[in-house]
Amino acid sequence: MERVNLQDAKQRYAGEWLAFLVTEERPTGELFGQVIAHNPDRRELHRELREKKVRQVYVTFAGPPVKPGYAVIL
């Protein structure tokens, strides 16, 4: 698998859920590693990870947390 920067992976798979195996963390906070799986559906991503028996991986969403045109009140 290809070693990538997490930010680059998020740009490549914009709008999808990523399972990212972190192999290096730089003092600047940059994360490098491998994309284990990606899917626009979070449930499908987790199903795939269970099938592959992946235990330790960073799961993140590669997109805006709120769709354009929507608002969130916290």
Protein backbone atom coordinates (compact mmCIF):
# COMPACT_ATOMS: atom_id res chain seq x y z
CA MET A 1 0.00 0.00 0.00
CA GLU A 2 1.04 3.54 -0.70
CA ARG A 3 2.29 5.78 2.17
CA VAL A 4 0.40 9.10 2.12
CA ASN A 5 -0.18 12.21 4.16
CA LEU A 6 -3.59 12.16 5.88
CA GLN A 7 -4.51 15.54 4.39
CA ASP A 8 -3.72 14.28 0.88
CA ALA A 9 -5.86 11.19 1.49
CA LYS A 10 -8.74 13.39 2.65
CA GLN A 11 -8.51 15.41 -0.57
CA ARG A 12 -8.35 12.26 -2.70
CA TYR A 13 -11.40 10.69 -1.00
CA ALA A 14 -13.40 13.86 -0.29
CA GLY A 15 -16.85 13.15 1.11
CA GLU A 16 -15.98 9.60 2.22
CA TRP A 17 -15.12 7.84 5.45
CA LEU A 18 -11.49 6.76 5.71
CA ALA A 19 -9.80 4.02 7.71
CA PHE A 20 -6.22 5.28 8.06
CA LEU A 21 -3.34 3.30 9.55
CA VAL A 22 -0.96 5.87 11.08
CA THR A 23 2.70 4.88 10.66
CA GLU A 24 4.35 8.24 11.36
CA GLU A 25 3.45 11.39 13.27
CA ARG A 26 5.65 14.42 12.80
CA PRO A 27 6.25 17.06 15.50
CA THR A 28 4.18 19.45 13.35
CA GLY A 29 1.16 17.17 13.84
CA GLU A 30 1.19 15.80 10.29
CA LEU A 31 0.11 12.17 10.05
CA PHE A 32 1.45 9.72 7.47
CA GLY A 33 0.32 6.19 6.80
CA GLN A 34 -1.88 4.03 4.61
CA VAL A 35 -5.53 4.16 3.62
CA ILE A 36 -6.84 0.74 4.61
CA ALA A 37 -10.38 1.34 3.31
CA HIS A 38 -12.69 4.15 2.22
CA ASN A 39 -16.42 4.34 1.65
CA PRO A 40 -19.09 7.07 1.56
CA ASP A 41 -21.20 4.95 3.94
CA ARG A 42 -19.79 4.69 7.47
CA ARG A 43 -21.61 1.42 8.19
CA GLU A 44 -20.19 -0.20 5.06
CA LEU A 45 -16.71 0.97 6.00
CA HIS A 46 -17.00 -0.64 9.44
CA ARG A 47 -18.42 -3.84 7.90
CA GLU A 48 -15.40 -4.01 5.57
CA LEU A 49 -13.01 -3.44 8.49
CA ARG A 50 -14.66 -6.27 10.44
CA GLU A 51 -14.33 -8.58 7.43
CA LYS A 52 -10.63 -7.69 7.13
CA LYS A 53 -10.29 -8.11 10.92
CA VAL A 54 -8.69 -4.66 11.26
CA ARG A 55 -8.29 -3.76 14.94
CA GLN A 56 -6.30 -0.54 15.23
CA VAL A 57 -7.05 2.13 12.67
CA TYR A 58 -7.97 5.82 12.68
CA VAL A 59 -11.45 6.36 11.21
CA THR A 60 -12.25 9.88 10.03
CA PHE A 61 -14.58 11.67 7.64
CA ALA A 62 -12.94 13.42 4.68
CA GLY A 63 -15.35 16.23 4.15
CA PRO A 64 -17.13 19.07 5.81
CA PRO A 65 -18.94 17.91 8.96
CA VAL A 66 -21.98 19.91 7.88
CA LYS A 67 -23.27 19.94 4.30
CA PRO A 68 -23.26 23.32 2.53
CA GLY A 69 -26.55 25.11 3.07
CA TYR A 70 -27.15 23.56 6.50
CA ALA A 71 -26.47 25.05 9.93
CA VAL A 72 -25.71 23.51 13.30
CA ILE A 73 -26.42 24.96 16.71
CA LEU A 74 -24.37 23.61 19.60
